[in-house]
Amino acid sequence: MNRQSWAIELNFEEDENRTACTATLSGSGAPRIAGHGYSRRNPDDEPDARIGEEVAAARACSNLAHELLEAAATRIESHTHRPAHLNA
């Protein structure tokens, strides 16, 4: 059995009201794909960096998952020469 291990690294950029996150996939054989997610603090809410990071990270991981499905669909289509229909 062939075993591989991929990792997701989350990197954040923040200011007082906005958090951006990039989720990058790495590992042997991992496609070079990244997902991006953002959160913005409501001006009426107290600042809490952790909440912004959690929301932005969740959105970045969700975007990464969609990018992976698109990459897999493209690879399937290159083999089958037919449209691939992958659902999340």
PDB file of N, CA and C in Angstrom:
ATOM      1  N   MET A   1       0.836  -1.179   0.000  1.00  0.00           N
ATOM      2  CA  MET A   1       0.000   0.000   0.000  1.00  0.00           C
ATOM      3  C   MET A   1       0.887   1.251   0.000  1.00  0.00           C
ATOM      4  N   ASN A   2       0.595   2.159  -0.903  1.00  0.00           N
ATOM      5  CA  ASN A   2       1.328   3.416  -1.005  1.00  0.00           C
ATOM      6  C   ASN A   2       0.704   4.439  -0.060  1.00  0.00           C
ATOM      7  N   ARG A   3       1.501   5.005   0.835  1.00  0.00           N
ATOM      8  CA  ARG A   3       0.991   6.005   1.782  1.00  0.00           C
ATOM      9  C   ARG A   3       1.620   7.358   1.487  1.00  0.00           C
ATOM     10  N   GLN A   4       0.790   8.373   1.524  1.00  0.00           N
ATOM     11  CA  GLN A   4       1.259   9.742   1.373  1.00  0.00           C
ATOM     12  C   GLN A   4       0.697  10.572   2.512  1.00  0.00           C
ATOM     13  N   SER A   5       1.347  11.661   2.775  1.00  0.00           N
ATOM     14  CA  SER A   5       0.872  12.574   3.811  1.00  0.00           C
ATOM     15  C   SER A   5       0.907  13.986   3.259  1.00  0.00           C
ATOM     16  N   TRP A   6      -0.216  14.653   3.327  1.00  0.00           N
ATOM     17  CA  TRP A   6      -0.314  16.054   2.930  1.00  0.00           C
ATOM     18  C   TRP A   6      -0.643  16.881   4.170  1.00  0.00           C
ATOM     19  N   ALA A   7      -0.206  18.105   4.171  1.00  0.00           N
ATOM     20  CA  ALA A   7      -0.482  19.014   5.289  1.00  0.00           C
ATOM     21  C   ALA A   7      -1.072  20.309   4.751  1.00  0.00           C
ATOM     22  N   ILE A   8      -1.874  20.943   5.575  1.00  0.00           N
ATOM     23  CA  ILE A   8      -2.425  22.251   5.240  1.00  0.00           C
ATOM     24  C   ILE A   8      -1.814  23.267   6.196  1.00  0.00           C
ATOM     25  N   GLU A   9      -1.189  24.280   5.620  1.00  0.00           N
ATOM     26  CA  GLU A   9      -0.614  25.354   6.418  1.00  0.00           C
ATOM     27  C   GLU A   9      -1.519  26.571   6.281  1.00  0.00           C
ATOM     28  N   LEU A  10      -1.853  27.174   7.426  1.00  0.00           N
ATOM     29  CA  LEU A  10      -2.703  28.359   7.437  1.00  0.00           C
ATOM     30  C   LEU A  10      -1.854  29.573   7.791  1.00  0.00           C
ATOM     31  N   ASN A  11      -1.904  30.588   6.941  1.00  0.00           N
ATOM     32  CA  ASN A  11      -1.187  31.836   7.179  1.00  0.00           C
ATOM     33  C   ASN A  11      -2.190  32.976   7.214  1.00  0.00           C
ATOM     34  N   PHE A  12      -2.005  33.863   8.187  1.00  0.00           N
ATOM     35  CA  PHE A  12      -2.954  34.950   8.402  1.00  0.00           C
ATOM     36  C   PHE A  12      -2.314  36.307   8.210  1.00  0.00           C
ATOM     37  N   GLU A  13      -3.111  37.236   7.713  1.00  0.00           N
ATOM     38  CA  GLU A  13      -2.763  38.654   7.679  1.00  0.00           C
ATOM     39  C   GLU A  13      -3.951  39.380   8.279  1.00  0.00           C
ATOM     40  N   GLU A  14      -3.669  40.249   9.252  1.00  0.00           N
ATOM     41  CA  GLU A  14      -4.762  40.899   9.965  1.00  0.00           C
ATOM     42  C   GLU A  14      -4.515  42.390  10.116  1.00  0.00           C
ATOM     43  N   ASP A  15      -5.611  43.121  10.168  1.00  0.00           N
ATOM     44  CA  ASP A  15      -5.570  44.503  10.625  1.00  0.00           C
ATOM     45  C   ASP A  15      -6.679  44.637  11.662  1.00  0.00           C
ATOM     46  N   GLU A  16      -7.060  45.826  12.014  1.00  0.00           N
ATOM     47  CA  GLU A  16      -8.036  46.016  13.092  1.00  0.00           C
ATOM     48  C   GLU A  16      -9.409  45.447  12.773  1.00  0.00           C
ATOM     49  N   ASN A  17      -9.775  45.402  11.510  1.00  0.00           N
ATOM     50  CA  ASN A  17     -11.135  45.023  11.142  1.00  0.00           C
ATOM     51  C   ASN A  17     -11.252  43.834  10.204  1.00  0.00           C
ATOM     52  N   ARG A  18     -10.150  43.342   9.681  1.00  0.00           N
ATOM     53  CA  ARG A  18     -10.213  42.319   8.639  1.00  0.00           C
ATOM     54  C   ARG A  18      -9.122  41.279   8.858  1.00  0.00           C
ATOM     55  N   THR A  19      -9.446  40.023   8.564  1.00  0.00           N
ATOM     56  CA  THR A  19      -8.483  38.926   8.624  1.00  0.00           C
ATOM     57  C   THR A  19      -8.519  38.187   7.299  1.00  0.00           C
ATOM     58  N   ALA A  20      -7.357  37.940   6.728  1.00  0.00           N
ATOM     59  CA  ALA A  20      -7.219  37.152   5.509  1.00  0.00           C
ATOM     60  C   ALA A  20      -6.441  35.895   5.868  1.00  0.00           C
ATOM     61  N   CYS A  21      -6.840  34.775   5.277  1.00  0.00           N
ATOM     62  CA  CYS A  21      -6.151  33.513   5.515  1.00  0.00           C
ATOM     63  C   CYS A  21      -5.885  32.832   4.183  1.00  0.00           C
ATOM     64  N   THR A  22      -4.685  32.268   4.063  1.00  0.00           N
ATOM     65  CA  THR A  22      -4.337  31.436   2.923  1.00  0.00           C
ATOM     66  C   THR A  22      -4.060  30.033   3.447  1.00  0.00           C
ATOM     67  N   ALA A  23      -4.759  29.064   2.897  1.00  0.00           N
ATOM     68  CA  ALA A  23      -4.565  27.650   3.238  1.00  0.00           C
ATOM     69  C   ALA A  23      -3.781  27.014   2.094  1.00  0.00           C
ATOM     70  N   THR A  24      -2.569  26.567   2.396  1.00  0.00           N
ATOM     71  CA  THR A  24      -1.688  26.014   1.377  1.00  0.00           C
ATOM     72  C   THR A  24      -1.474  24.529   1.629  1.00  0.00           C
ATOM     73  N   LEU A  25      -1.626  23.747   0.579  1.00  0.00           N
ATOM     74  CA  LEU A  25      -1.435  22.306   0.647  1.00  0.00           C
ATOM     75  C   LEU A  25       0.022  21.983   0.357  1.00  0.00           C
ATOM     76  N   SER A  26       0.621  21.104   1.162  1.00  0.00           N
ATOM     77  CA  SER A  26       2.004  20.702   0.919  1.00  0.00           C
ATOM     78  C   SER A  26       2.163  19.214   1.214  1.00  0.00           C
ATOM     79  N   GLY A  27       3.233  18.661   0.724  1.00  0.00           N
ATOM     80  CA  GLY A  27       3.530  17.257   0.946  1.00  0.00           C
ATOM     81  C   GLY A  27       3.943  16.601  -0.355  1.00  0.00           C
ATOM     82  N   SER A  28       4.513  15.428  -0.237  1.00  0.00           N
ATOM     83  CA  SER A  28       4.978  14.687  -1.399  1.00  0.00           C
ATOM     84  C   SER A  28       3.801  14.332  -2.301  1.00  0.00           C
ATOM     85  N   GLY A  29       3.847  14.818  -3.518  1.00  0.00           N
ATOM     86  CA  GLY A  29       2.791  14.540  -4.473  1.00  0.00           C
ATOM     87  C   GLY A  29       1.568  15.432  -4.364  1.00  0.00           C
ATOM     88  N   ALA A  30       1.554  16.344  -3.424  1.00  0.00           N
ATOM     89  CA  ALA A  30       0.401  17.238  -3.265  1.00  0.00           C
ATOM     90  C   ALA A  30       0.355  18.249  -4.405  1.00  0.00           C
ATOM     91  N   PRO A  31      -0.826  18.498  -4.936  1.00  0.00           N
ATOM     92  CA  PRO A  31      -0.922  19.529  -5.975  1.00  0.00           C
ATOM     93  C   PRO A  31      -0.636  20.905  -5.378  1.00  0.00           C
ATOM     94  N   ARG A  32      -0.111  21.784  -6.193  1.00  0.00           N
ATOM     95  CA  ARG A  32       0.184  23.142  -5.728  1.00  0.00           C
ATOM     96  C   ARG A  32      -1.102  23.964  -5.771  1.00  0.00           C
ATOM     97  N   ILE A  33      -1.845  23.868  -4.692  1.00  0.00           N
ATOM     98  CA  ILE A  33      -3.146  24.524  -4.618  1.00  0.00           C
ATOM     99  C   ILE A  33      -3.237  25.286  -3.301  1.00  0.00           C
ATOM    100  N   ALA A  34      -3.886  26.437  -3.359  1.00  0.00           N
ATOM    101  CA  ALA A  34      -4.118  27.236  -2.160  1.00  0.00           C
ATOM    102  C   ALA A  34      -5.568  27.700  -2.156  1.00  0.00           C
ATOM    103  N   GLY A  35      -6.091  27.874  -0.962  1.00  0.00           N
ATOM    104  CA  GLY A  35      -7.426  28.421  -0.783  1.00  0.00           C
ATOM    105  C   GLY A  35      -7.325  29.735  -0.023  1.00  0.00           C
ATOM    106  N   HIS A  36      -8.303  30.593  -0.227  1.00  0.00           N
ATOM    107  CA  HIS A  36      -8.282  31.905   0.413  1.00  0.00           C
ATOM    108  C   HIS A  36      -9.609  32.158   1.113  1.00  0.00           C
ATOM    109  N   GLY A  37      -9.528  32.761   2.280  1.00  0.00           N
ATOM    110  CA  GLY A  37     -10.727  33.103   3.031  1.00  0.00           C
ATOM    111  C   GLY A  37     -10.525  34.408   3.780  1.00  0.00           C
ATOM    112  N   TYR A  38     -11.630  35.086   4.032  1.00  0.00           N
ATOM    113  CA  TYR A  38     -11.578  36.403   4.665  1.00  0.00           C
ATOM    114  C   TYR A  38     -12.677  36.525   5.706  1.00  0.00           C
ATOM    115  N   SER A  39     -12.432  37.355   6.692  1.00  0.00           N
ATOM    116  CA  SER A  39     -13.475  37.733   7.641  1.00  0.00           C
ATOM    117  C   SER A  39     -13.323  39.224   7.918  1.00  0.00           C
ATOM    118  N   ARG A  40     -14.442  39.826   8.257  1.00  0.00           N
ATOM    119  CA  ARG A  40     -14.428  41.253   8.575  1.00  0.00           C
ATOM    120  C   ARG A  40     -15.249  41.459   9.836  1.00  0.00           C
ATOM    121  N   ARG A  41     -14.694  42.216  10.760  1.00  0.00           N
ATOM    122  CA  ARG A  41     -15.360  42.469  12.035  1.00  0.00           C
ATOM    123  C   ARG A  41     -16.446  43.523  11.852  1.00  0.00           C
ATOM    124  N   ASN A  42     -17.593  43.240  12.433  1.00  0.00           N
ATOM    125  CA  ASN A  42     -18.657  44.238  12.486  1.00  0.00           C
ATOM    126  C   ASN A  42     -18.171  45.382  13.378  1.00  0.00           C
ATOM    127  N   PRO A  43     -18.280  46.622  12.948  1.00  0.00           N
ATOM    128  CA  PRO A  43     -17.785  47.745  13.748  1.00  0.00           C
ATOM    129  C   PRO A  43     -18.413  47.829  15.143  1.00  0.00           C
ATOM    130  N   ASP A  44     -19.576  47.227  15.341  1.00  0.00           N
ATOM    131  CA  ASP A  44     -20.231  47.252  16.648  1.00  0.00           C
ATOM    132  C   ASP A  44     -19.704  46.173  17.596  1.00  0.00           C
ATOM    133  N   ASP A  45     -18.922  45.211  17.084  1.00  0.00           N
ATOM    134  CA  ASP A  45     -18.406  44.117  17.906  1.00  0.00           C
ATOM    135  C   ASP A  45     -17.052  44.471  18.508  1.00  0.00           C
ATOM    136  N   GLU A  46     -16.774  43.853  19.654  1.00  0.00           N
ATOM    137  CA  GLU A  46     -15.454  44.024  20.267  1.00  0.00           C
ATOM    138  C   GLU A  46     -14.420  43.272  19.437  1.00  0.00           C
ATOM    139  N   PRO A  47     -13.201  43.804  19.332  1.00  0.00           N
ATOM    140  CA  PRO A  47     -12.157  43.089  18.599  1.00  0.00           C
ATOM    141  C   PRO A  47     -11.804  41.763  19.296  1.00  0.00           C
ATOM    142  N   ASP A  48     -11.718  40.702  18.536  1.00  0.00           N
ATOM    143  CA  ASP A  48     -11.283  39.397  19.026  1.00  0.00           C
ATOM    144  C   ASP A  48     -10.618  38.686  17.856  1.00  0.00           C
ATOM    145  N   ALA A  49      -9.297  38.742  17.809  1.00  0.00           N
ATOM    146  CA  ALA A  49      -8.537  38.197  16.677  1.00  0.00           C
ATOM    147  C   ALA A  49      -8.833  36.722  16.453  1.00  0.00           C
ATOM    148  N   ARG A  50      -9.066  35.980  17.518  1.00  0.00           N
ATOM    149  CA  ARG A  50      -9.299  34.533  17.394  1.00  0.00           C
ATOM    150  C   ARG A  50     -10.538  34.237  16.542  1.00  0.00           C
ATOM    151  N   ILE A  51     -11.607  35.001  16.757  1.00  0.00           N
ATOM    152  CA  ILE A  51     -12.830  34.778  15.984  1.00  0.00           C
ATOM    153  C   ILE A  51     -12.576  35.046  14.506  1.00  0.00           C
ATOM    154  N   GLY A  52     -11.909  36.148  14.201  1.00  0.00           N
ATOM    155  CA  GLY A  52     -11.593  36.461  12.808  1.00  0.00           C
ATOM    156  C   GLY A  52     -10.740  35.390  12.160  1.00  0.00           C
ATOM    157  N   GLU A  53      -9.776  34.865  12.907  1.00  0.00           N
ATOM    158  CA  GLU A  53      -8.916  33.807  12.377  1.00  0.00           C
ATOM    159  C   GLU A  53      -9.714  32.531  12.116  1.00  0.00           C
ATOM    160  N   GLU A  54     -10.601  32.175  13.037  1.00  0.00           N
ATOM    161  CA  GLU A  54     -11.399  30.960  12.859  1.00  0.00           C
ATOM    162  C   GLU A  54     -12.298  31.057  11.632  1.00  0.00           C
ATOM    163  N   VAL A  55     -12.959  32.194  11.467  1.00  0.00           N
ATOM    164  CA  VAL A  55     -13.856  32.364  10.323  1.00  0.00           C
ATOM    165  C   VAL A  55     -13.057  32.371   9.016  1.00  0.00           C
ATOM    166  N   ALA A  56     -11.969  33.138   8.981  1.00  0.00           N
ATOM    167  CA  ALA A  56     -11.149  33.208   7.768  1.00  0.00           C
ATOM    168  C   ALA A  56     -10.531  31.850   7.440  1.00  0.00           C
ATOM    169  N   ALA A  57     -10.074  31.108   8.460  1.00  0.00           N
ATOM    170  CA  ALA A  57      -9.487  29.783   8.239  1.00  0.00           C
ATOM    171  C   ALA A  57     -10.524  28.807   7.694  1.00  0.00           C
ATOM    172  N   ALA A  58     -11.726  28.829   8.253  1.00  0.00           N
ATOM    173  CA  ALA A  58     -12.785  27.941   7.764  1.00  0.00           C
ATOM    174  C   ALA A  58     -13.100  28.235   6.300  1.00  0.00           C
ATOM    175  N   ARG A  59     -13.173  29.504   5.963  1.00  0.00           N
ATOM    176  CA  ARG A  59     -13.465  29.882   4.581  1.00  0.00           C
ATOM    177  C   ARG A  59     -12.319  29.513   3.647  1.00  0.00           C
ATOM    178  N   ALA A  60     -11.070  29.660   4.115  1.00  0.00           N
ATOM    179  CA  ALA A  60      -9.917  29.300   3.294  1.00  0.00           C
ATOM    180  C   ALA A  60      -9.872  27.788   3.058  1.00  0.00           C
ATOM    181  N   CYS A  61     -10.172  26.993   4.088  1.00  0.00           N
ATOM    182  CA  CYS A  61     -10.183  25.539   3.936  1.00  0.00           C
ATOM    183  C   CYS A  61     -11.318  25.100   3.015  1.00  0.00           C
ATOM    184  N   SER A  62     -12.453  25.758   3.112  1.00  0.00           N
ATOM    185  CA  SER A  62     -13.562  25.453   2.213  1.00  0.00           C
ATOM    186  C   SER A  62     -13.181  25.761   0.771  1.00  0.00           C
ATOM    187  N   ASN A  63     -12.545  26.904   0.558  1.00  0.00           N
ATOM    188  CA  ASN A  63     -12.096  27.272  -0.781  1.00  0.00           C
ATOM    189  C   ASN A  63     -11.049  26.287  -1.288  1.00  0.00           C
ATOM    190  N   LEU A  64     -10.146  25.847  -0.409  1.00  0.00           N
ATOM    191  CA  LEU A  64      -9.136  24.855  -0.781  1.00  0.00           C
ATOM    192  C   LEU A  64      -9.806  23.552  -1.216  1.00  0.00           C
ATOM    193  N   ALA A  65     -10.822  23.122  -0.507  1.00  0.00           N
ATOM    194  CA  ALA A  65     -11.538  21.900  -0.865  1.00  0.00           C
ATOM    195  C   ALA A  65     -12.157  22.026  -2.260  1.00  0.00           C
ATOM    196  N   HIS A  66     -12.744  23.155  -2.553  1.00  0.00           N
ATOM    197  CA  HIS A  66     -13.328  23.364  -3.885  1.00  0.00           C
ATOM    198  C   HIS A  66     -12.250  23.369  -4.971  1.00  0.00           C
ATOM    199  N   GLU A  67     -11.116  23.981  -4.676  1.00  0.00           N
ATOM    200  CA  GLU A  67     -10.011  23.997  -5.637  1.00  0.00           C
ATOM    201  C   GLU A  67      -9.493  22.579  -5.893  1.00  0.00           C
ATOM    202  N   LEU A  68      -9.413  21.762  -4.836  1.00  0.00           N
ATOM    203  CA  LEU A  68      -8.980  20.370  -5.002  1.00  0.00           C
ATOM    204  C   LEU A  68      -9.955  19.584  -5.870  1.00  0.00           C
ATOM    205  N   LEU A  69     -11.248  19.781  -5.657  1.00  0.00           N
ATOM    206  CA  LEU A  69     -12.249  19.108  -6.488  1.00  0.00           C
ATOM    207  C   LEU A  69     -12.134  19.533  -7.941  1.00  0.00           C
ATOM    208  N   GLU A  70     -11.897  20.803  -8.179  1.00  0.00           N
ATOM    209  CA  GLU A  70     -11.727  21.290  -9.551  1.00  0.00           C
ATOM    210  C   GLU A  70     -10.496  20.665 -10.200  1.00  0.00           C
ATOM    211  N   ALA A  71      -9.405  20.567  -9.442  1.00  0.00           N
ATOM    212  CA  ALA A  71      -8.181  19.958  -9.972  1.00  0.00           C
ATOM    213  C   ALA A  71      -8.417  18.486 -10.293  1.00  0.00           C
ATOM    214  N   ALA A  72      -9.119  17.789  -9.394  1.00  0.00           N
ATOM    215  CA  ALA A  72      -9.410  16.374  -9.636  1.00  0.00           C
ATOM    216  C   ALA A  72     -10.306  16.209 -10.860  1.00  0.00           C
ATOM    217  N   ALA A  73     -11.302  17.066 -11.004  1.00  0.00           N
ATOM    218  CA  ALA A  73     -12.198  16.994 -12.163  1.00  0.00           C
ATOM    219  C   ALA A  73     -11.422  17.217 -13.456  1.00  0.00           C
ATOM    220  N   THR A  74     -10.524  18.155 -13.449  1.00  0.00           N
ATOM    221  CA  THR A  74      -9.703  18.421 -14.631  1.00  0.00           C
ATOM    222  C   THR A  74      -8.857  17.208 -14.980  1.00  0.00           C
ATOM    223  N   ARG A  75      -8.285  16.578 -13.958  1.00  0.00           N
ATOM    224  CA  ARG A  75      -7.453  15.391 -14.186  1.00  0.00           C
ATOM    225  C   ARG A  75      -8.301  14.228 -14.716  1.00  0.00           C
ATOM    226  N   ILE A  76      -9.489  14.044 -14.153  1.00  0.00           N
ATOM    227  CA  ILE A  76     -10.395  12.987 -14.630  1.00  0.00           C
ATOM    228  C   ILE A  76     -10.752  13.226 -16.095  1.00  0.00           C
ATOM    229  N   GLU A  77     -11.109  14.471 -16.411  1.00  0.00           N
ATOM    230  CA  GLU A  77     -11.501  14.809 -17.785  1.00  0.00           C
ATOM    231  C   GLU A  77     -10.366  14.590 -18.772  1.00  0.00           C
ATOM    232  N   SER A  78      -9.120  14.811 -18.331  1.00  0.00           N
ATOM    233  CA  SER A  78      -7.986  14.585 -19.230  1.00  0.00           C
ATOM    234  C   SER A  78      -7.802  13.098 -19.525  1.00  0.00           C
ATOM    235  N   HIS A  79      -8.247  12.236 -18.622  1.00  0.00           N
ATOM    236  CA  HIS A  79      -8.153  10.783 -18.836  1.00  0.00           C
ATOM    237  C   HIS A  79      -9.351  10.234 -19.608  1.00  0.00           C
ATOM    238  N   THR A  80     -10.538  10.748 -19.301  1.00  0.00           N
ATOM    239  CA  THR A  80     -11.754  10.169 -19.877  1.00  0.00           C
ATOM    240  C   THR A  80     -12.245  10.914 -21.119  1.00  0.00           C
ATOM    241  N   HIS A  81     -11.788  12.154 -21.290  1.00  0.00           N
ATOM    242  CA  HIS A  81     -12.228  13.014 -22.390  1.00  0.00           C
ATOM    243  C   HIS A  81     -13.747  13.254 -22.338  1.00  0.00           C
ATOM    244  N   ARG A  82     -14.276  13.244 -21.106  1.00  0.00           N
ATOM    245  CA  ARG A  82     -15.693  13.539 -20.861  1.00  0.00           C
ATOM    246  C   ARG A  82     -15.785  14.438 -19.640  1.00  0.00           C
ATOM    247  N   PRO A  83     -16.853  15.204 -19.526  1.00  0.00           N
ATOM    248  CA  PRO A  83     -17.025  16.055 -18.350  1.00  0.00           C
ATOM    249  C   PRO A  83     -17.108  15.228 -17.054  1.00  0.00           C
ATOM    250  N   ALA A  84     -16.439  15.688 -16.033  1.00  0.00           N
ATOM    251  CA  ALA A  84     -16.505  15.045 -14.717  1.00  0.00           C
ATOM    252  C   ALA A  84     -17.488  15.822 -13.844  1.00  0.00           C
ATOM    253  N   HIS A  85     -18.244  15.109 -13.049  1.00  0.00           N
ATOM    254  CA  HIS A  85     -19.219  15.731 -12.160  1.00  0.00           C
ATOM    255  C   HIS A  85     -18.912  15.305 -10.730  1.00  0.00           C
ATOM    256  N   LEU A  86     -18.155  16.131 -10.031  1.00  0.00           N
ATOM    257  CA  LEU A  86     -17.793  15.832  -8.643  1.00  0.00           C
ATOM    258  C   LEU A  86     -18.575  16.753  -7.719  1.00  0.00           C
ATOM    259  N   ASN A  87     -19.105  16.199  -6.654  1.00  0.00           N
ATOM    260  CA  ASN A  87     -19.836  16.997  -5.671  1.00  0.00           C
ATOM    261  C   ASN A  87     -19.060  17.035  -4.372  1.00  0.00           C
ATOM    262  N   ALA A  88     -19.177  18.137  -3.680  1.00  0.00           N
ATOM    263  CA  ALA A  88     -18.505  18.275  -2.389  1.00  0.00           C
ATOM    264  C   ALA A  88     -19.236  17.502  -1.319  1.00  0.00           C
TER     265      ALA A  88
END
